[in-house]
C-alpha atoms as a PDB file:
ATOM      1  CA  MET A   1      -0.475  -4.867 -21.881  1.00  0.00           C
ATOM      2  CA  ILE A   2       1.350  -3.791 -18.697  1.00  0.00           C
ATOM      3  CA  GLY A   3       3.211  -0.625 -18.576  1.00  0.00           C
ATOM      4  CA  VAL A   4       6.286  -0.438 -16.422  1.00  0.00           C
ATOM      5  CA  VAL A   5       7.722   3.238 -15.676  1.00  0.00           C
ATOM      6  CA  ALA A   6      11.270   2.984 -16.861  1.00  0.00           C
ATOM      7  CA  LEU A   7      12.886   6.137 -15.779  1.00  0.00           C
ATOM      8  CA  GLN A   8      14.950   4.584 -12.793  1.00  0.00           C
ATOM      9  CA  GLY A   9      14.809   1.444 -10.872  1.00  0.00           C
ATOM     10  CA  SER A  10      14.204  -2.212 -11.109  1.00  0.00           C
ATOM     11  CA  PHE A  11      11.929  -1.620 -14.239  1.00  0.00           C
ATOM     12  CA  ALA A  12      13.568  -4.417 -16.546  1.00  0.00           C
ATOM     13  CA  LYS A  13      13.298  -7.037 -13.671  1.00  0.00           C
ATOM     14  CA  HIS A  14       9.480  -6.184 -13.620  1.00  0.00           C
ATOM     15  CA  ALA A  15       9.195  -6.608 -17.142  1.00  0.00           C
ATOM     16  CA  HIS A  16      10.993 -10.147 -17.028  1.00  0.00           C
ATOM     17  CA  SER A  17       8.956 -11.171 -14.254  1.00  0.00           C
ATOM     18  CA  LEU A  18       5.700 -10.293 -16.216  1.00  0.00           C
ATOM     19  CA  GLY A  19       6.968 -11.820 -19.224  1.00  0.00           C
ATOM     20  CA  SER A  20       7.499 -15.107 -17.597  1.00  0.00           C
ATOM     21  CA  ILE A  21       3.787 -15.522 -17.233  1.00  0.00           C
ATOM     22  CA  GLY A  22       2.959 -14.307 -20.562  1.00  0.00           C
ATOM     23  CA  VAL A  23       2.108 -10.888 -19.945  1.00  0.00           C
ATOM     24  CA  THR A  24       3.357  -8.155 -22.755  1.00  0.00           C
ATOM     25  CA  CYS A  25       5.044  -5.151 -21.344  1.00  0.00           C
ATOM     26  CA  ARG A  26       5.670  -1.736 -22.399  1.00  0.00           C
ATOM     27  CA  ALA A  27       8.196   0.775 -21.213  1.00  0.00           C
ATOM     28  CA  VAL A  28       6.701   4.008 -19.980  1.00  0.00           C
ATOM     29  CA  ARG A  29       8.804   6.889 -20.301  1.00  0.00           C
ATOM     30  CA  SER A  30       6.159   9.583 -21.530  1.00  0.00           C
ATOM     31  CA  GLU A  31       2.718  10.655 -21.447  1.00  0.00           C
ATOM     32  CA  ALA A  32       2.003   8.772 -24.879  1.00  0.00           C
ATOM     33  CA  ASP A  33       3.296   5.334 -23.281  1.00  0.00           C
ATOM     34  CA  LEU A  34       0.304   5.620 -21.018  1.00  0.00           C
ATOM     35  CA  LYS A  35      -1.971   4.799 -23.919  1.00  0.00           C
ATOM     36  CA  SER A  36      -3.323   1.318 -24.529  1.00  0.00           C
ATOM     37  CA  ILE A  37      -2.078  -0.159 -21.343  1.00  0.00           C
ATOM     38  CA  ASP A  38      -4.100  -2.257 -19.049  1.00  0.00           C
ATOM     39  CA  GLY A  39      -2.281  -1.828 -15.770  1.00  0.00           C
ATOM     40  CA  LEU A  40       0.921  -0.201 -14.678  1.00  0.00           C
ATOM     41  CA  VAL A  41       4.087  -1.019 -12.307  1.00  0.00           C
ATOM     42  CA  LEU A  42       6.004   1.615 -10.425  1.00  0.00           C
ATOM     43  CA  PRO A  43       9.231  -0.112  -9.640  1.00  0.00           C
ATOM     44  CA  GLY A  44      11.675   0.192  -6.761  1.00  0.00           C
ATOM     45  CA  GLY A  45      14.420   2.601  -7.072  1.00  0.00           C
ATOM     46  CA  GLU A  46      15.045   5.684  -5.097  1.00  0.00           C
ATOM     47  CA  SER A  47      11.909   7.630  -4.059  1.00  0.00           C
ATOM     48  CA  THR A  48      13.482  11.292  -4.475  1.00  0.00           C
ATOM     49  CA  THR A  49      14.995  10.761  -7.747  1.00  0.00           C
ATOM     50  CA  MET A  50      11.878   9.018  -9.008  1.00  0.00           C
ATOM     51  CA  THR A  51       9.931  12.095  -7.763  1.00  0.00           C
ATOM     52  CA  THR A  52      12.193  14.462  -9.700  1.00  0.00           C
ATOM     53  CA  LEU A  53      12.589  12.256 -12.915  1.00  0.00           C
ATOM     54  CA  LEU A  54       8.568  12.013 -13.158  1.00  0.00           C
ATOM     55  CA  GLN A  55       8.183  15.669 -12.673  1.00  0.00           C
ATOM     56  CA  ASN A  56      11.010  16.649 -15.144  1.00  0.00           C
ATOM     57  CA  GLU A  57       9.699  14.419 -17.721  1.00  0.00           C
ATOM     58  CA  GLY A  58       6.238  15.775 -17.492  1.00  0.00           C
ATOM     59  CA  LEU A  59       4.795  12.414 -16.307  1.00  0.00           C
ATOM     60  CA  TRP A  60       3.623  13.239 -12.627  1.00  0.00           C
ATOM     61  CA  GLU A  61       0.088  15.073 -13.816  1.00  0.00           C
ATOM     62  CA  PRO A  62      -0.691  12.403 -16.521  1.00  0.00           C
ATOM     63  CA  LEU A  63       0.263   9.551 -14.325  1.00  0.00           C
ATOM     64  CA  ASN A  64      -1.554  10.815 -11.482  1.00  0.00           C
ATOM     65  CA  ALA A  65      -4.651  11.194 -13.448  1.00  0.00           C
ATOM     66  CA  THR A  66      -4.420   7.613 -14.896  1.00  0.00           C
ATOM     67  CA  LEU A  67      -3.923   5.998 -11.352  1.00  0.00           C
ATOM     68  CA  GLU A  68      -7.222   7.098 -10.416  1.00  0.00           C
ATOM     69  CA  THR A  69      -8.588   4.037 -12.101  1.00  0.00           C
ATOM     70  CA  MET A  70      -6.076   2.200 -13.711  1.00  0.00           C
ATOM     71  CA  PRO A  71      -4.603  -0.972 -11.693  1.00  0.00           C
ATOM     72  CA  VAL A  72      -1.175  -0.217 -10.482  1.00  0.00           C
ATOM     73  CA  PHE A  73       1.566  -2.191  -8.542  1.00  0.00           C
ATOM     74  CA  GLY A  74       4.347  -0.188  -6.692  1.00  0.00           C
ATOM     75  CA  THR A  75       7.425  -1.688  -5.138  1.00  0.00           C
ATOM     76  CA  CYS A  76       9.504  -0.209  -2.426  1.00  0.00           C
ATOM     77  CA  ALA A  77       9.952   3.187  -3.797  1.00  0.00           C
ATOM     78  CA  GLY A  78       7.001   2.845  -6.123  1.00  0.00           C
ATOM     79  CA  ALA A  79       5.093   1.833  -2.992  1.00  0.00           C
ATOM     80  CA  ILE A  80       6.380   5.049  -1.303  1.00  0.00           C
ATOM     81  CA  LEU A  81       5.002   6.955  -4.379  1.00  0.00           C
ATOM     82  CA  LEU A  82       1.659   5.346  -4.028  1.00  0.00           C
ATOM     83  CA  GLY A  83       1.090   6.158  -0.527  1.00  0.00           C
ATOM     84  CA  GLN A  84      -1.082   8.974   1.099  1.00  0.00           C
ATOM     85  CA  GLN A  85       2.299  10.550   2.726  1.00  0.00           C
ATOM     86  CA  VAL A  86       5.664  10.136   3.290  1.00  0.00           C
ATOM     87  CA  ASP A  87       8.316  11.015   6.127  1.00  0.00           C
ATOM     88  CA  ASP A  88      10.405  13.138   3.712  1.00  0.00           C
ATOM     89  CA  ASP A  89       9.212  16.411   2.181  1.00  0.00           C
ATOM     90  CA  ARG A  90      11.371  15.875  -1.150  1.00  0.00           C
ATOM     91  CA  VAL A  91       9.149  12.995  -1.972  1.00  0.00           C
ATOM     92  CA  LYS A  92       5.686  13.723  -3.708  1.00  0.00           C
ATOM     93  CA  CYS A  93       3.009  11.086  -3.041  1.00  0.00           C
ATOM     94  CA  PHE A  94       0.061  10.110  -5.539  1.00  0.00           C
ATOM     95  CA  ASP A  95      -2.109   9.265  -2.410  1.00  0.00           C
ATOM     96  CA  LYS A  96      -3.803   6.143  -4.048  1.00  0.00           C
ATOM     97  CA  ILE A  97      -3.643   3.859  -1.110  1.00  0.00           C
ATOM     98  CA  GLN A  98      -4.135   4.925   2.294  1.00  0.00           C
ATOM     99  CA  TYR A  99      -0.973   4.597   4.548  1.00  0.00           C
ATOM    100  CA  LYS A 100       2.256   6.677   5.405  1.00  0.00           C
ATOM    101  CA  ALA A 101       5.577   5.463   4.282  1.00  0.00           C
ATOM    102  CA  VAL A 102       8.561   5.562   6.236  1.00  0.00           C
ATOM    103  CA  ARG A 103      11.556   5.528   4.025  1.00  0.00           C
ATOM    104  CA  ASN A 104      14.486   3.197   4.613  1.00  0.00           C
ATOM    105  CA  ALA A 105      12.746   1.865   7.765  1.00  0.00           C
ATOM    106  CA  TYR A 106      14.398  -1.434   7.904  1.00  0.00           C
ATOM    107  CA  GLY A 107      17.822   0.123   7.398  1.00  0.00           C
ATOM    108  CA  ARG A 108      20.500   1.204   4.943  1.00  0.00           C
ATOM    109  CA  GLN A 109      21.520  -0.708   1.795  1.00  0.00           C
ATOM    110  CA  ILE A 110      24.154  -2.743   3.770  1.00  0.00           C
ATOM    111  CA  GLU A 111      21.080  -3.862   5.932  1.00  0.00           C
ATOM    112  CA  SER A 112      19.296  -5.453   3.306  1.00  0.00           C
ATOM    113  CA  PHE A 113      17.983  -8.881   3.848  1.00  0.00           C
ATOM    114  CA  THR A 114      15.833 -11.705   2.389  1.00  0.00           C
ATOM    115  CA  THR A 115      13.100 -13.674   4.139  1.00  0.00           C
ATOM    116  CA  SER A 116      10.523 -16.044   3.599  1.00  0.00           C
ATOM    117  CA  LEU A 117       6.830 -14.676   3.684  1.00  0.00           C
ATOM    118  CA  ILE A 118       3.452 -16.290   3.783  1.00  0.00           C
ATOM    119  CA  LEU A 119       0.755 -15.232   1.495  1.00  0.00           C
ATOM    120  CA  PRO A 120      -2.363 -16.813   2.809  1.00  0.00           C
ATOM    121  CA  LYS A 121      -4.777 -14.633   0.714  1.00  0.00           C
ATOM    122  CA  LEU A 122      -2.677 -15.858  -2.162  1.00  0.00           C
ATOM    123  CA  ASN A 123      -2.618 -19.443  -1.087  1.00  0.00           C
ATOM    124  CA  TYR A 124       1.215 -19.327  -0.818  1.00  0.00           C
ATOM    125  CA  HIS A 125       3.633 -20.101   1.887  1.00  0.00           C
ATOM    126  CA  ASP A 126       6.920 -19.768   0.988  1.00  0.00           C
ATOM    127  CA  PHE A 127       7.790 -16.443  -1.045  1.00  0.00           C
ATOM    128  CA  HIS A 128      11.277 -15.354  -0.965  1.00  0.00           C
ATOM    129  CA  ALA A 129      11.118 -11.751  -0.321  1.00  0.00           C
ATOM    130  CA  VAL A 130      14.083  -9.358  -1.070  1.00  0.00           C
ATOM    131  CA  PHE A 131      14.048  -6.085   1.169  1.00  0.00           C
ATOM    132  CA  ILE A 132      16.462  -3.284   0.234  1.00  0.00           C
ATOM    133  CA  ARG A 133      16.284  -0.033   1.934  1.00  0.00           C
ATOM    134  CA  ALA A 134      12.452  -0.991   2.326  1.00  0.00           C
ATOM    135  CA  PRO A 135       9.833   1.203   3.554  1.00  0.00           C
ATOM    136  CA  LYS A 136       7.465   0.798   6.277  1.00  0.00           C
ATOM    137  CA  PHE A 137       3.785   1.472   6.083  1.00  0.00           C
ATOM    138  CA  GLU A 138       2.163   3.152   8.855  1.00  0.00           C
ATOM    139  CA  ASN A 139      -1.290   4.653   9.836  1.00  0.00           C
ATOM    140  CA  ILE A 140      -2.824   2.107   7.473  1.00  0.00           C
ATOM    141  CA  GLN A 141      -6.531   2.956   7.112  1.00  0.00           C
ATOM    142  CA  GLN A 142      -9.638   1.134   6.699  1.00  0.00           C
ATOM    143  CA  GLY A 143     -10.242  -0.428   3.439  1.00  0.00           C
ATOM    144  CA  VAL A 144      -6.483  -1.295   2.900  1.00  0.00           C
ATOM    145  CA  ASP A 145      -6.117  -5.050   3.149  1.00  0.00           C
ATOM    146  CA  SER A 146      -2.757  -6.764   4.396  1.00  0.00           C
ATOM    147  CA  LEU A 147      -1.833  -9.655   2.206  1.00  0.00           C
ATOM    148  CA  ALA A 148       1.581 -10.430   3.837  1.00  0.00           C
ATOM    149  CA  VAL A 149       3.335  -9.506   7.188  1.00  0.00           C
ATOM    150  CA  TYR A 150       6.991  -9.640   8.285  1.00  0.00           C
ATOM    151  CA  GLY A 151       6.888  -9.796  12.145  1.00  0.00           C
ATOM    152  CA  PRO A 152       4.249  -7.070  13.221  1.00  0.00           C
ATOM    153  CA  GLU A 153       4.871  -5.043   9.979  1.00  0.00           C
ATOM    154  CA  HIS A 154       2.406  -5.166   6.906  1.00  0.00           C
ATOM    155  CA  VAL A 155       4.750  -5.556   3.897  1.00  0.00           C
ATOM    156  CA  LEU A 156       2.202  -6.383   1.018  1.00  0.00           C
ATOM    157  CA  LEU A 157      -0.864  -4.267   0.881  1.00  0.00           C
ATOM    158  CA  ARG A 158      -4.095  -3.958  -1.339  1.00  0.00           C
ATOM    159  CA  GLN A 159      -6.753  -1.310  -1.815  1.00  0.00           C
ATOM    160  CA  ASP A 160      -9.216  -1.753  -4.710  1.00  0.00           C
ATOM    161  CA  HIS A 161      -7.027  -1.443  -7.740  1.00  0.00           C
ATOM    162  CA  VAL A 162      -3.567  -0.725  -5.916  1.00  0.00           C
ATOM    163  CA  LEU A 163      -1.230  -3.210  -4.780  1.00  0.00           C
ATOM    164  CA  ALA A 164       1.932  -2.112  -2.792  1.00  0.00           C
ATOM    165  CA  ALA A 165       4.947  -4.142  -1.621  1.00  0.00           C
ATOM    166  CA  SER A 166       7.673  -2.918   0.663  1.00  0.00           C
ATOM    167  CA  PHE A 167       9.979  -5.475  -0.827  1.00  0.00           C
ATOM    168  CA  HIS A 168      11.180  -6.346  -4.272  1.00  0.00           C
ATOM    169  CA  PRO A 169       9.355  -9.285  -5.672  1.00  0.00           C
ATOM    170  CA  GLU A 170      10.878  -8.850  -9.269  1.00  0.00           C
ATOM    171  CA  LEU A 171      14.403  -9.664  -7.871  1.00  0.00           C
ATOM    172  CA  THR A 172      13.227 -13.440  -7.479  1.00  0.00           C
ATOM    173  CA  ASP A 173      12.470 -16.057 -10.001  1.00  0.00           C
ATOM    174  CA  ASP A 174       9.052 -16.359  -8.412  1.00  0.00           C
ATOM    175  CA  ALA A 175       6.207 -14.428 -10.443  1.00  0.00           C
ATOM    176  CA  THR A 176       3.437 -15.360  -7.963  1.00  0.00           C
ATOM    177  CA  ILE A 177       2.907 -11.710  -6.821  1.00  0.00           C
ATOM    178  CA  HIS A 178       2.867 -10.545 -10.398  1.00  0.00           C
ATOM    179  CA  LYS A 179       0.329 -13.091 -11.251  1.00  0.00           C
ATOM    180  CA  TYR A 180      -1.504 -12.279  -8.536  1.00  0.00           C
ATOM    181  CA  PHE A 181      -1.591  -8.449  -9.703  1.00  0.00           C
ATOM    182  CA  VAL A 182      -2.546  -9.503 -13.366  1.00  0.00           C
ATOM    183  CA  ASP A 183      -5.254 -12.031 -12.544  1.00  0.00           C
ATOM    184  CA  GLU A 184      -6.770 -10.602  -9.324  1.00  0.00           C
ATOM    185  CA  ILE A 185      -6.394  -6.724  -9.962  1.00  0.00           C
ATOM    186  CA  VAL A 186      -5.841  -5.907 -13.840  1.00  0.00           C
ATOM    187  CA  LEU A 187      -8.131  -8.510 -15.273  1.00  0.00           C
ATOM    188  CA  LYS A 188     -10.928  -7.514 -12.742  1.00  0.00           C
ATOM    189  CA  TYR A 189     -10.613  -3.719 -12.950  1.00  0.00           C
ATOM    190  CA  ARG A 190     -10.095  -3.358 -16.896  1.00  0.00           C
END
């Protein structure tokens, strides 16, 4: 059972991607929803709004405690929140993966783009990646493993039980990265 934080952003698309590989999902909107899940997805959306909603709904502290050991996959804004720090004081970070996120580093909404990525550690060579106001990851610390790059930038990172993507894999019909999260992180850490 994978929980998908469902306060804002592309949570339904993540549930669809996970469902396509036979994984049952639960919408997470309260502390009670965190019980009996084996992993969690923090979707893309808008990181300042997500910070506010998580705090207003009383989810910030329970989620922070849960993420100490629970496998988690953050995409775009979710990846920003998982990081160690961010370039915007309005955004609060969980500090679960060691990098600094730079918000909207690839440009504004109108500058969104798609590209093909090679995922060598996943034995996959043509992942269609969707970048929408995507963050860049800087000051990546030792122990953080890069699973994909776009030019010189690391765009898919893993540290122990945490997976972070600067792009939106849920906006494609390809569940390769979701399957990796379940098979290589959730099943091995729970």
